[in-house]
Amino acid sequence: MAMKRLVLSVLLLLVIVVIAGLASPWPSVLVIRAIFDHGAAQASKALEPLDPNDVAVQTGLVYDPSDADGRLDIYRGKAATPDGPVVVWFHGGGFVSGRRADLANYLKILAGKGFTVVNVDYTIAPEATYPTPIRQANRALAFLSAQASQLKINANKMVLAGDSAGAQIAAQTAALVTNERYAQALGISPEPLANQIAGVLLYCGVYDITQMGQSGGLGAWFVKATAWAYSGKRDWHQAPGFDTMSITPYIARGFPRAFVSAGNADPLGPQSVALAAALQAQGVNVTSLFFPQDYQPPLGHEYQFRLDTDAGKGALAQSVAWLRSL
């Protein structure tokens, strides 16, 4: 009898979740957050032994006093030079999860290679909808530019970087800064000048939402939940202006030089390949890091954070070399 009650309770809970999921993206988002947060914590912990001990850290700097999420951290490697590039990184998390603390260990490792790295927070969905993170990214860059002297950074050599959703935010911000027509379509006045953006460093991003959610199964469920949350509309295909999230149509010749990478087993991998091709078609200087389809072991989403693998270590080394070439 006790087992029967347990089974009935579980079935009732599932029914409630399904029904709630028809009215709001929140039930699905909470599941996604739990999964992603667990994965991010594991990835961060695995990097702890590799953290350098010579990186200066400034935490909790306020880039927008009117925004509770308008915060950033700065990591400065011992060998970082005042005229070197400043890597401005936006975290991933499917637009519905993640926080800047998730990437602290990885970005300290990157800073330890001789760079200044800025770790930017933004508001995730459904708490905020598109294009709020793009507006926040724009304000963060404005802060860095205005405070460059006090922060001892080179705001004329900023590299917009990110992973997964953060790569999309970085790429979209670069596109609006370098394409006046796109900025007008978004209703955002770019704060930095185009010549202040030295490059974009993009890992495992989503760049064309028209290609999302077509595979069915869990992939379709994930896309529906995150797109609903981020757009604010259940039928996100019809959400006014949400199509501007796809950046390929708005790439102009002034788009900064780019480093683009994704793993061979990443469901989003084809989007990175397509972006690299679209950039090259516009004459943009592109460095790409892709892998043969039969590469072993298969490299999934966010492979670059696995610094215990040859691919992860190689990606970091190639990123460092590319940054030093700017």
C-alpha atoms as a PDB file:
ATOM      1  CA  MET A   1       0.000   0.000   0.000  1.00  0.00           C
ATOM      2  CA  ALA A   2       2.844   2.373   0.871  1.00  0.00           C
ATOM      3  CA  MET A   3       4.511   1.675  -2.498  1.00  0.00           C
ATOM      4  CA  LYS A   4       1.229   2.291  -4.298  1.00  0.00           C
ATOM      5  CA  ARG A   5       0.854   5.660  -2.567  1.00  0.00           C
ATOM      6  CA  LEU A   6       4.429   6.554  -3.490  1.00  0.00           C
ATOM      7  CA  VAL A   7       3.868   5.700  -7.158  1.00  0.00           C
ATOM      8  CA  LEU A   8       0.606   7.669  -7.206  1.00  0.00           C
ATOM      9  CA  SER A   9       2.344  10.638  -5.560  1.00  0.00           C
ATOM     10  CA  VAL A  10       5.135  10.581  -8.148  1.00  0.00           C
ATOM     11  CA  LEU A  11       2.626  10.346 -11.007  1.00  0.00           C
ATOM     12  CA  LEU A  12       0.626  13.223  -9.543  1.00  0.00           C
ATOM     13  CA  LEU A  13       3.777  15.318  -9.239  1.00  0.00           C
ATOM     14  CA  LEU A  14       4.658  14.610 -12.871  1.00  0.00           C
ATOM     15  CA  VAL A  15       1.159  15.603 -13.973  1.00  0.00           C
ATOM     16  CA  ILE A  16       1.442  18.859 -12.009  1.00  0.00           C
ATOM     17  CA  VAL A  17       4.839  19.612 -13.560  1.00  0.00           C
ATOM     18  CA  VAL A  18       3.548  18.918 -17.071  1.00  0.00           C
ATOM     19  CA  ILE A  19       0.470  21.086 -16.560  1.00  0.00           C
ATOM     20  CA  ALA A  20       2.527  23.891 -15.021  1.00  0.00           C
ATOM     21  CA  GLY A  21       4.937  23.639 -17.945  1.00  0.00           C
ATOM     22  CA  LEU A  22       2.095  24.416 -20.327  1.00  0.00           C
ATOM     23  CA  ALA A  23       1.455  27.746 -18.601  1.00  0.00           C
ATOM     24  CA  SER A  24       4.975  28.899 -17.797  1.00  0.00           C
ATOM     25  CA  PRO A  25       8.602  28.121 -18.710  1.00  0.00           C
ATOM     26  CA  TRP A  26       9.557  28.125 -15.034  1.00  0.00           C
ATOM     27  CA  PRO A  27       9.181  24.380 -14.275  1.00  0.00           C
ATOM     28  CA  SER A  28      11.465  23.439 -17.161  1.00  0.00           C
ATOM     29  CA  VAL A  29      13.865  26.286 -16.422  1.00  0.00           C
ATOM     30  CA  LEU A  30      14.283  25.131 -12.825  1.00  0.00           C
ATOM     31  CA  VAL A  31      15.164  21.628 -14.031  1.00  0.00           C
ATOM     32  CA  ILE A  32      17.663  23.026 -16.542  1.00  0.00           C
ATOM     33  CA  ARG A  33      19.206  25.277 -13.906  1.00  0.00           C
ATOM     34  CA  ALA A  34      19.655  22.405 -11.497  1.00  0.00           C
ATOM     35  CA  ILE A  35      21.406  20.317 -14.159  1.00  0.00           C
ATOM     36  CA  PHE A  36      23.559  23.164 -15.467  1.00  0.00           C
ATOM     37  CA  ASP A  37      24.494  24.450 -12.017  1.00  0.00           C
ATOM     38  CA  HIS A  38      25.628  20.973 -10.993  1.00  0.00           C
ATOM     39  CA  GLY A  39      27.747  20.655 -14.136  1.00  0.00           C
ATOM     40  CA  ALA A  40      29.247  24.116 -13.678  1.00  0.00           C
ATOM     41  CA  ALA A  41      30.182  23.361 -10.070  1.00  0.00           C
ATOM     42  CA  GLN A  42      31.918  20.144 -11.102  1.00  0.00           C
ATOM     43  CA  ALA A  43      33.813  21.847 -13.930  1.00  0.00           C
ATOM     44  CA  SER A  44      34.916  24.659 -11.642  1.00  0.00           C
ATOM     45  CA  LYS A  45      36.088  22.293  -8.914  1.00  0.00           C
ATOM     46  CA  ALA A  46      38.138  20.292 -11.424  1.00  0.00           C
ATOM     47  CA  LEU A  47      40.048  23.468 -12.321  1.00  0.00           C
ATOM     48  CA  GLU A  48      40.898  24.482  -8.748  1.00  0.00           C
ATOM     49  CA  PRO A  49      44.301  22.720  -8.684  1.00  0.00           C
ATOM     50  CA  LEU A  50      45.327  24.642 -11.817  1.00  0.00           C
ATOM     51  CA  ASP A  51      44.577  28.121 -10.469  1.00  0.00           C
ATOM     52  CA  PRO A  52      47.729  30.254 -10.550  1.00  0.00           C
ATOM     53  CA  ASN A  53      48.703  32.008  -7.326  1.00  0.00           C
ATOM     54  CA  ASP A  54      49.979  35.186  -8.957  1.00  0.00           C
ATOM     55  CA  VAL A  55      46.724  36.606 -10.353  1.00  0.00           C
ATOM     56  CA  ALA A  56      45.463  39.839  -8.804  1.00  0.00           C
ATOM     57  CA  VAL A  57      41.688  39.822  -8.302  1.00  0.00           C
ATOM     58  CA  GLN A  58      39.165  42.648  -8.030  1.00  0.00           C
ATOM     59  CA  THR A  59      35.661  41.401  -7.323  1.00  0.00           C
ATOM     60  CA  GLY A  60      32.206  42.916  -7.291  1.00  0.00           C
ATOM     61  CA  LEU A  61      32.941  46.054  -9.292  1.00  0.00           C
ATOM     62  CA  VAL A  62      29.694  47.844 -10.144  1.00  0.00           C
ATOM     63  CA  TYR A  63      29.297  48.616 -13.822  1.00  0.00           C
ATOM     64  CA  ASP A  64      25.691  49.766 -13.440  1.00  0.00           C
ATOM     65  CA  PRO A  65      24.522  51.090 -10.039  1.00  0.00           C
ATOM     66  CA  SER A  66      20.869  50.826 -11.114  1.00  0.00           C
ATOM     67  CA  ASP A  67      21.165  47.094 -11.854  1.00  0.00           C
ATOM     68  CA  ALA A  68      21.501  44.463  -9.122  1.00  0.00           C
ATOM     69  CA  ASP A  69      23.240  42.186 -11.625  1.00  0.00           C
ATOM     70  CA  GLY A  70      25.496  44.919 -12.998  1.00  0.00           C
ATOM     71  CA  ARG A  71      28.667  43.496 -11.481  1.00  0.00           C
ATOM     72  CA  LEU A  72      31.985  42.280 -12.812  1.00  0.00           C
ATOM     73  CA  ASP A  73      35.323  40.928 -11.607  1.00  0.00           C
ATOM     74  CA  ILE A  74      38.789  41.629 -12.984  1.00  0.00           C
ATOM     75  CA  TYR A  75      41.647  39.119 -12.973  1.00  0.00           C
ATOM     76  CA  ARG A  76      45.103  40.474 -13.783  1.00  0.00           C
ATOM     77  CA  GLY A  77      47.932  38.104 -14.549  1.00  0.00           C
ATOM     78  CA  LYS A  78      51.385  38.936 -13.235  1.00  0.00           C
ATOM     79  CA  ALA A  79      52.723  39.200 -16.788  1.00  0.00           C
ATOM     80  CA  ALA A  80      49.776  41.264 -18.066  1.00  0.00           C
ATOM     81  CA  THR A  81      50.881  44.507 -19.695  1.00  0.00           C
ATOM     82  CA  PRO A  82      48.968  47.821 -19.642  1.00  0.00           C
ATOM     83  CA  ASP A  83      48.802  47.890 -23.447  1.00  0.00           C
ATOM     84  CA  GLY A  84      47.809  44.236 -23.828  1.00  0.00           C
ATOM     85  CA  PRO A  85      44.337  42.993 -24.777  1.00  0.00           C
ATOM     86  CA  VAL A  86      41.537  42.959 -22.198  1.00  0.00           C
ATOM     87  CA  VAL A  87      39.428  39.807 -22.436  1.00  0.00           C
ATOM     88  CA  VAL A  88      35.803  40.601 -21.528  1.00  0.00           C
ATOM     89  CA  TRP A  89      34.074  37.259 -20.903  1.00  0.00           C
ATOM     90  CA  PHE A  90      30.357  36.468 -20.667  1.00  0.00           C
ATOM     91  CA  HIS A  91      29.392  33.164 -19.029  1.00  0.00           C
ATOM     92  CA  GLY A  92      27.170  30.522 -20.599  1.00  0.00           C
ATOM     93  CA  GLY A  93      24.146  28.706 -19.222  1.00  0.00           C
ATOM     94  CA  GLY A  94      21.525  28.596 -21.950  1.00  0.00           C
ATOM     95  CA  PHE A  95      20.415  32.163 -21.085  1.00  0.00           C
ATOM     96  CA  VAL A  96      18.549  30.733 -18.074  1.00  0.00           C
ATOM     97  CA  SER A  97      21.345  29.723 -15.699  1.00  0.00           C
ATOM     98  CA  GLY A  98      24.894  30.533 -14.689  1.00  0.00           C
ATOM     99  CA  ARG A  99      26.732  33.281 -12.866  1.00  0.00           C
ATOM    100  CA  ARG A 100      30.151  34.829 -13.219  1.00  0.00           C
ATOM    101  CA  ALA A 101      31.504  32.817 -10.266  1.00  0.00           C
ATOM    102  CA  ASP A 102      31.121  29.652 -12.362  1.00  0.00           C
ATOM    103  CA  LEU A 103      34.003  30.748 -14.589  1.00  0.00           C
ATOM    104  CA  ALA A 104      36.285  32.299 -11.994  1.00  0.00           C
ATOM    105  CA  ASN A 105      38.784  29.427 -11.950  1.00  0.00           C
ATOM    106  CA  TYR A 106      39.026  29.093 -15.730  1.00  0.00           C
ATOM    107  CA  LEU A 107      39.389  32.831 -16.257  1.00  0.00           C
ATOM    108  CA  LYS A 108      42.077  33.072 -13.582  1.00  0.00           C
ATOM    109  CA  ILE A 109      43.980  30.388 -15.460  1.00  0.00           C
ATOM    110  CA  LEU A 110      43.604  32.409 -18.661  1.00  0.00           C
ATOM    111  CA  ALA A 111      44.724  35.583 -16.882  1.00  0.00           C
ATOM    112  CA  GLY A 112      47.734  33.690 -15.570  1.00  0.00           C
ATOM    113  CA  LYS A 113      48.930  33.354 -19.165  1.00  0.00           C
ATOM    114  CA  GLY A 114      49.613  37.096 -19.172  1.00  0.00           C
ATOM    115  CA  PHE A 115      46.274  38.828 -19.667  1.00  0.00           C
ATOM    116  CA  THR A 116      43.746  41.020 -17.950  1.00  0.00           C
ATOM    117  CA  VAL A 117      40.394  39.229 -17.950  1.00  0.00           C
ATOM    118  CA  VAL A 118      37.026  40.768 -17.061  1.00  0.00           C
ATOM    119  CA  ASN A 119      34.269  38.405 -15.863  1.00  0.00           C
ATOM    120  CA  VAL A 120      30.854  40.003 -16.489  1.00  0.00           C
ATOM    121  CA  ASP A 121      27.522  39.123 -14.907  1.00  0.00           C
ATOM    122  CA  TYR A 122      24.166  39.683 -16.570  1.00  0.00           C
ATOM    123  CA  THR A 123      20.544  38.874 -15.768  1.00  0.00           C
ATOM    124  CA  ILE A 124      19.350  35.443 -16.823  1.00  0.00           C
ATOM    125  CA  ALA A 125      15.845  34.538 -18.012  1.00  0.00           C
ATOM    126  CA  PRO A 126      12.989  34.441 -17.191  1.00  0.00           C
ATOM    127  CA  GLU A 127      13.969  37.116 -14.643  1.00  0.00           C
ATOM    128  CA  ALA A 128      14.837  39.287 -17.638  1.00  0.00           C
ATOM    129  CA  THR A 129      14.084  38.833 -21.297  1.00  0.00           C
ATOM    130  CA  TYR A 130      15.908  39.573 -24.536  1.00  0.00           C
ATOM    131  CA  PRO A 131      17.718  41.853 -25.238  1.00  0.00           C
ATOM    132  CA  THR A 132      18.461  42.737 -21.594  1.00  0.00           C
ATOM    133  CA  PRO A 133      21.840  40.906 -21.501  1.00  0.00           C
ATOM    134  CA  ILE A 134      22.928  42.763 -24.642  1.00  0.00           C
ATOM    135  CA  ARG A 135      22.069  46.085 -23.033  1.00  0.00           C
ATOM    136  CA  GLN A 136      23.992  45.013 -19.926  1.00  0.00           C
ATOM    137  CA  ALA A 137      27.002  43.983 -22.006  1.00  0.00           C
ATOM    138  CA  ASN A 138      26.923  47.392 -23.671  1.00  0.00           C
ATOM    139  CA  ARG A 139      26.853  49.124 -20.279  1.00  0.00           C
ATOM    140  CA  ALA A 140      29.702  46.966 -18.978  1.00  0.00           C
ATOM    141  CA  LEU A 141      31.845  48.005 -21.931  1.00  0.00           C
ATOM    142  CA  ALA A 142      30.912  51.649 -21.343  1.00  0.00           C
ATOM    143  CA  PHE A 143      32.064  51.301 -17.724  1.00  0.00           C
ATOM    144  CA  LEU A 144      35.365  49.703 -18.728  1.00  0.00           C
ATOM    145  CA  SER A 145      35.960  52.419 -21.292  1.00  0.00           C
ATOM    146  CA  ALA A 146      35.139  55.268 -18.905  1.00  0.00           C
ATOM    147  CA  GLN A 147      37.153  53.784 -16.026  1.00  0.00           C
ATOM    148  CA  ALA A 148      40.079  52.490 -18.079  1.00  0.00           C
ATOM    149  CA  SER A 149      42.642  54.755 -16.418  1.00  0.00           C
ATOM    150  CA  GLN A 150      41.581  53.897 -12.864  1.00  0.00           C
ATOM    151  CA  LEU A 151      41.317  50.190 -13.699  1.00  0.00           C
ATOM    152  CA  LYS A 152      44.665  50.229 -15.507  1.00  0.00           C
ATOM    153  CA  ILE A 153      43.296  48.495 -18.593  1.00  0.00           C
ATOM    154  CA  ASN A 154      43.555  49.128 -22.304  1.00  0.00           C
ATOM    155  CA  ALA A 155      39.974  49.903 -23.313  1.00  0.00           C
ATOM    156  CA  ASN A 156      41.120  50.352 -26.902  1.00  0.00           C
ATOM    157  CA  LYS A 157      41.961  46.661 -27.165  1.00  0.00           C
ATOM    158  CA  MET A 158      38.956  44.833 -25.751  1.00  0.00           C
ATOM    159  CA  VAL A 159      38.278  41.250 -26.817  1.00  0.00           C
ATOM    160  CA  LEU A 160      34.660  40.143 -26.391  1.00  0.00           C
ATOM    161  CA  ALA A 161      34.629  36.514 -25.313  1.00  0.00           C
ATOM    162  CA  GLY A 162      32.183  33.924 -24.115  1.00  0.00           C
ATOM    163  CA  ASP A 163      31.054  30.334 -23.991  1.00  0.00           C
ATOM    164  CA  SER A 164      27.708  28.932 -25.148  1.00  0.00           C
ATOM    165  CA  ALA A 165      25.054  31.607 -24.449  1.00  0.00           C
ATOM    166  CA  GLY A 166      27.873  33.948 -23.475  1.00  0.00           C
ATOM    167  CA  ALA A 167      29.459  33.464 -26.894  1.00  0.00           C
ATOM    168  CA  GLN A 168      26.202  34.581 -28.477  1.00  0.00           C
ATOM    169  CA  ILE A 169      26.105  37.659 -26.242  1.00  0.00           C
ATOM    170  CA  ALA A 170      29.722  38.505 -27.103  1.00  0.00           C
ATOM    171  CA  ALA A 171      29.178  38.003 -30.836  1.00  0.00           C
ATOM    172  CA  GLN A 172      25.922  39.957 -30.879  1.00  0.00           C
ATOM    173  CA  THR A 173      27.497  42.831 -28.971  1.00  0.00           C
ATOM    174  CA  ALA A 174      30.370  42.926 -31.475  1.00  0.00           C
ATOM    175  CA  ALA A 175      27.864  42.939 -34.320  1.00  0.00           C
ATOM    176  CA  LEU A 176      25.852  45.865 -32.960  1.00  0.00           C
ATOM    177  CA  VAL A 177      29.023  47.862 -32.270  1.00  0.00           C
ATOM    178  CA  THR A 178      30.232  47.388 -35.845  1.00  0.00           C
ATOM    179  CA  ASN A 179      26.905  47.616 -37.712  1.00  0.00           C
ATOM    180  CA  GLU A 180      24.893  50.812 -37.279  1.00  0.00           C
ATOM    181  CA  ARG A 181      21.857  49.302 -39.003  1.00  0.00           C
ATOM    182  CA  TYR A 182      21.841  46.409 -36.552  1.00  0.00           C
ATOM    183  CA  ALA A 183      22.202  48.700 -33.540  1.00  0.00           C
ATOM    184  CA  GLN A 184      19.185  50.663 -34.767  1.00  0.00           C
ATOM    185  CA  ALA A 185      17.170  47.459 -35.202  1.00  0.00           C
ATOM    186  CA  LEU A 186      17.978  46.510 -31.601  1.00  0.00           C
ATOM    187  CA  GLY A 187      17.268  49.990 -30.292  1.00  0.00           C
ATOM    188  CA  ILE A 188      20.670  50.073 -28.586  1.00  0.00           C
ATOM    189  CA  SER A 189      23.189  52.875 -28.948  1.00  0.00           C
ATOM    190  CA  PRO A 190      26.652  51.282 -28.856  1.00  0.00           C
ATOM    191  CA  GLU A 191      28.793  52.629 -26.040  1.00  0.00           C
ATOM    192  CA  PRO A 192      32.230  51.495 -27.213  1.00  0.00           C
ATOM    193  CA  LEU A 193      33.573  52.517 -30.603  1.00  0.00           C
ATOM    194  CA  ALA A 194      34.149  49.836 -33.207  1.00  0.00           C
ATOM    195  CA  ASN A 195      37.900  50.409 -33.077  1.00  0.00           C
ATOM    196  CA  GLN A 196      37.913  49.583 -29.365  1.00  0.00           C
ATOM    197  CA  ILE A 197      36.962  45.967 -30.083  1.00  0.00           C
ATOM    198  CA  ALA A 198      40.101  44.083 -31.076  1.00  0.00           C
ATOM    199  CA  GLY A 199      38.476  40.696 -31.531  1.00  0.00           C
ATOM    200  CA  VAL A 200      35.966  38.089 -30.426  1.00  0.00           C
ATOM    201  CA  LEU A 201      36.832  34.769 -28.775  1.00  0.00           C
ATOM    202  CA  LEU A 202      33.869  32.427 -29.140  1.00  0.00           C
ATOM    203  CA  TYR A 203      33.351  28.892 -27.826  1.00  0.00           C
ATOM    204  CA  CYS A 204      30.355  26.642 -28.498  1.00  0.00           C
ATOM    205  CA  GLY A 205      27.843  29.415 -29.162  1.00  0.00           C
ATOM    206  CA  VAL A 206      24.379  29.623 -30.656  1.00  0.00           C
ATOM    207  CA  TYR A 207      24.247  32.126 -33.505  1.00  0.00           C
ATOM    208  CA  ASP A 208      21.131  31.240 -35.513  1.00  0.00           C
ATOM    209  CA  ILE A 209      17.925  30.532 -33.594  1.00  0.00           C
ATOM    210  CA  THR A 210      16.042  29.653 -36.779  1.00  0.00           C
ATOM    211  CA  GLN A 211      17.946  26.354 -36.762  1.00  0.00           C
ATOM    212  CA  MET A 212      17.070  25.499 -33.166  1.00  0.00           C
ATOM    213  CA  GLY A 213      14.588  22.961 -31.808  1.00  0.00           C
ATOM    214  CA  GLN A 214      14.102  20.947 -34.989  1.00  0.00           C
ATOM    215  CA  SER A 215      15.546  17.653 -33.798  1.00  0.00           C
ATOM    216  CA  GLY A 216      12.724  16.661 -31.412  1.00  0.00           C
ATOM    217  CA  GLY A 217      13.156  14.905 -28.068  1.00  0.00           C
ATOM    218  CA  LEU A 218      15.067  16.507 -25.207  1.00  0.00           C
ATOM    219  CA  GLY A 219      16.739  18.959 -27.553  1.00  0.00           C
ATOM    220  CA  ALA A 220      13.402  20.375 -28.644  1.00  0.00           C
ATOM    221  CA  TRP A 221      12.206  20.546 -25.022  1.00  0.00           C
ATOM    222  CA  PHE A 222      15.350  22.437 -24.014  1.00  0.00           C
ATOM    223  CA  VAL A 223      15.059  24.923 -26.879  1.00  0.00           C
ATOM    224  CA  LYS A 224      11.356  25.516 -26.210  1.00  0.00           C
ATOM    225  CA  ALA A 225      11.939  26.167 -22.516  1.00  0.00           C
ATOM    226  CA  THR A 226      14.937  28.451 -22.893  1.00  0.00           C
ATOM    227  CA  ALA A 227      13.596  30.359 -25.901  1.00  0.00           C
ATOM    228  CA  TRP A 228      10.235  30.849 -24.152  1.00  0.00           C
ATOM    229  CA  ALA A 229      12.010  32.131 -21.061  1.00  0.00           C
ATOM    230  CA  TYR A 230      14.401  34.400 -22.974  1.00  0.00           C
ATOM    231  CA  SER A 231      11.868  35.787 -25.450  1.00  0.00           C
ATOM    232  CA  GLY A 232       9.026  36.072 -22.970  1.00  0.00           C
ATOM    233  CA  LYS A 233       6.676  34.371 -25.413  1.00  0.00           C
ATOM    234  CA  ARG A 234       5.570  30.750 -25.489  1.00  0.00           C
ATOM    235  CA  ASP A 235       5.516  30.907 -29.298  1.00  0.00           C
ATOM    236  CA  TRP A 236       9.001  32.355 -29.418  1.00  0.00           C
ATOM    237  CA  HIS A 237       9.130  32.194 -33.214  1.00  0.00           C
ATOM    238  CA  GLN A 238       6.550  34.988 -33.233  1.00  0.00           C
ATOM    239  CA  ALA A 239       8.076  37.103 -30.455  1.00  0.00           C
ATOM    240  CA  PRO A 240       8.577  40.642 -31.854  1.00  0.00           C
ATOM    241  CA  GLY A 241      12.243  41.352 -32.483  1.00  0.00           C
ATOM    242  CA  PHE A 242      13.490  38.005 -31.169  1.00  0.00           C
ATOM    243  CA  ASP A 243      14.761  37.072 -34.624  1.00  0.00           C
ATOM    244  CA  THR A 244      17.470  39.736 -34.250  1.00  0.00           C
ATOM    245  CA  MET A 245      19.148  37.330 -31.850  1.00  0.00           C
ATOM    246  CA  SER A 246      20.425  35.514 -34.956  1.00  0.00           C
ATOM    247  CA  ILE A 247      23.518  37.500 -35.813  1.00  0.00           C
ATOM    248  CA  THR A 248      24.569  36.050 -39.192  1.00  0.00           C
ATOM    249  CA  PRO A 249      22.364  38.403 -41.268  1.00  0.00           C
ATOM    250  CA  TYR A 250      23.894  41.383 -39.471  1.00  0.00           C
ATOM    251  CA  ILE A 251      27.581  40.608 -39.882  1.00  0.00           C
ATOM    252  CA  ALA A 252      29.288  43.556 -41.560  1.00  0.00           C
ATOM    253  CA  ARG A 253      32.779  43.847 -42.987  1.00  0.00           C
ATOM    254  CA  GLY A 254      33.828  45.816 -39.922  1.00  0.00           C
ATOM    255  CA  PHE A 255      33.194  42.851 -37.615  1.00  0.00           C
ATOM    256  CA  PRO A 256      36.377  42.270 -35.552  1.00  0.00           C
ATOM    257  CA  ARG A 257      38.732  39.401 -36.152  1.00  0.00           C
ATOM    258  CA  ALA A 258      37.483  36.214 -34.587  1.00  0.00           C
ATOM    259  CA  PHE A 259      38.517  32.960 -32.952  1.00  0.00           C
ATOM    260  CA  VAL A 260      35.691  30.399 -33.226  1.00  0.00           C
ATOM    261  CA  SER A 261      35.618  26.868 -31.845  1.00  0.00           C
ATOM    262  CA  ALA A 262      33.326  23.988 -30.902  1.00  0.00           C
ATOM    263  CA  GLY A 263      33.656  20.259 -30.297  1.00  0.00           C
ATOM    264  CA  ASN A 264      32.860  17.554 -32.854  1.00  0.00           C
ATOM    265  CA  ALA A 265      30.082  16.090 -30.668  1.00  0.00           C
ATOM    266  CA  ASP A 266      28.549  19.423 -29.652  1.00  0.00           C
ATOM    267  CA  PRO A 267      24.929  19.745 -30.849  1.00  0.00           C
ATOM    268  CA  LEU A 268      25.680  23.432 -31.411  1.00  0.00           C
ATOM    269  CA  GLY A 269      28.894  22.696 -33.296  1.00  0.00           C
ATOM    270  CA  PRO A 270      27.416  23.284 -36.780  1.00  0.00           C
ATOM    271  CA  GLN A 271      26.428  26.789 -35.702  1.00  0.00           C
ATOM    272  CA  SER A 272      30.049  27.673 -34.993  1.00  0.00           C
ATOM    273  CA  VAL A 273      31.132  26.241 -38.337  1.00  0.00           C
ATOM    274  CA  ALA A 274      28.419  28.246 -40.121  1.00  0.00           C
ATOM    275  CA  LEU A 275      29.383  31.426 -38.261  1.00  0.00           C
ATOM    276  CA  ALA A 276      33.039  31.040 -39.201  1.00  0.00           C
ATOM    277  CA  ALA A 277      32.042  30.608 -42.853  1.00  0.00           C
ATOM    278  CA  ALA A 278      29.735  33.650 -42.755  1.00  0.00           C
ATOM    279  CA  LEU A 279      32.485  35.778 -41.222  1.00  0.00           C
ATOM    280  CA  GLN A 280      35.002  34.675 -43.821  1.00  0.00           C
ATOM    281  CA  ALA A 281      32.502  35.468 -46.582  1.00  0.00           C
ATOM    282  CA  GLN A 282      32.474  39.054 -45.299  1.00  0.00           C
ATOM    283  CA  GLY A 283      36.251  39.229 -45.334  1.00  0.00           C
ATOM    284  CA  VAL A 284      36.641  38.942 -41.566  1.00  0.00           C
ATOM    285  CA  ASN A 285      39.922  37.490 -40.305  1.00  0.00           C
ATOM    286  CA  VAL A 286      38.864  34.170 -38.743  1.00  0.00           C
ATOM    287  CA  THR A 287      40.864  31.612 -36.798  1.00  0.00           C
ATOM    288  CA  SER A 288      38.855  28.443 -36.284  1.00  0.00           C
ATOM    289  CA  LEU A 289      39.426  25.367 -34.164  1.00  0.00           C
ATOM    290  CA  PHE A 290      37.238  22.463 -35.208  1.00  0.00           C
ATOM    291  CA  PHE A 291      37.739  18.730 -35.066  1.00  0.00           C
ATOM    292  CA  PRO A 292      37.164  15.783 -37.423  1.00  0.00           C
ATOM    293  CA  GLN A 293      33.822  14.044 -36.976  1.00  0.00           C
ATOM    294  CA  ASP A 294      35.608  10.883 -35.888  1.00  0.00           C
ATOM    295  CA  TYR A 295      37.779  12.642 -33.289  1.00  0.00           C
ATOM    296  CA  GLN A 296      38.135  10.547 -30.132  1.00  0.00           C
ATOM    297  CA  PRO A 297      37.096  10.945 -27.464  1.00  0.00           C
ATOM    298  CA  PRO A 298      34.074  12.873 -28.749  1.00  0.00           C
ATOM    299  CA  LEU A 299      34.148  16.517 -27.683  1.00  0.00           C
ATOM    300  CA  GLY A 300      30.830  17.713 -26.325  1.00  0.00           C
ATOM    301  CA  HIS A 301      29.477  21.117 -25.434  1.00  0.00           C
ATOM    302  CA  GLU A 302      31.947  23.341 -23.523  1.00  0.00           C
ATOM    303  CA  TYR A 303      34.819  20.943 -24.213  1.00  0.00           C
ATOM    304  CA  GLN A 304      37.323  23.784 -23.726  1.00  0.00           C
ATOM    305  CA  PHE A 305      36.873  23.793 -19.954  1.00  0.00           C
ATOM    306  CA  ARG A 306      38.205  20.216 -19.705  1.00  0.00           C
ATOM    307  CA  LEU A 307      41.860  21.048 -19.125  1.00  0.00           C
ATOM    308  CA  ASP A 308      42.520  17.419 -18.230  1.00  0.00           C
ATOM    309  CA  THR A 309      42.144  16.555 -21.940  1.00  0.00           C
ATOM    310  CA  ASP A 310      44.444  17.179 -24.899  1.00  0.00           C
ATOM    311  CA  ALA A 311      41.670  19.037 -26.706  1.00  0.00           C
ATOM    312  CA  GLY A 312      40.970  21.336 -23.770  1.00  0.00           C
ATOM    313  CA  LYS A 313      44.643  22.092 -23.203  1.00  0.00           C
ATOM    314  CA  GLY A 314      45.145  22.630 -26.916  1.00  0.00           C
ATOM    315  CA  ALA A 315      42.179  25.010 -27.114  1.00  0.00           C
ATOM    316  CA  LEU A 316      43.569  27.100 -24.261  1.00  0.00           C
ATOM    317  CA  ALA A 317      47.024  27.191 -25.866  1.00  0.00           C
ATOM    318  CA  GLN A 318      45.604  28.256 -29.230  1.00  0.00           C
ATOM    319  CA  SER A 319      43.401  30.891 -27.581  1.00  0.00           C
ATOM    320  CA  VAL A 320      46.437  32.306 -25.791  1.00  0.00           C
ATOM    321  CA  ALA A 321      48.479  32.366 -28.999  1.00  0.00           C
ATOM    322  CA  TRP A 322      45.650  34.126 -30.836  1.00  0.00           C
ATOM    323  CA  LEU A 323      45.255  36.732 -28.088  1.00  0.00           C
ATOM    324  CA  ARG A 324      48.979  37.429 -28.117  1.00  0.00           C
ATOM    325  CA  SER A 325      48.799  38.037 -31.863  1.00  0.00           C
ATOM    326  CA  LEU A 326      46.309  40.903 -31.530  1.00  0.00           C
END
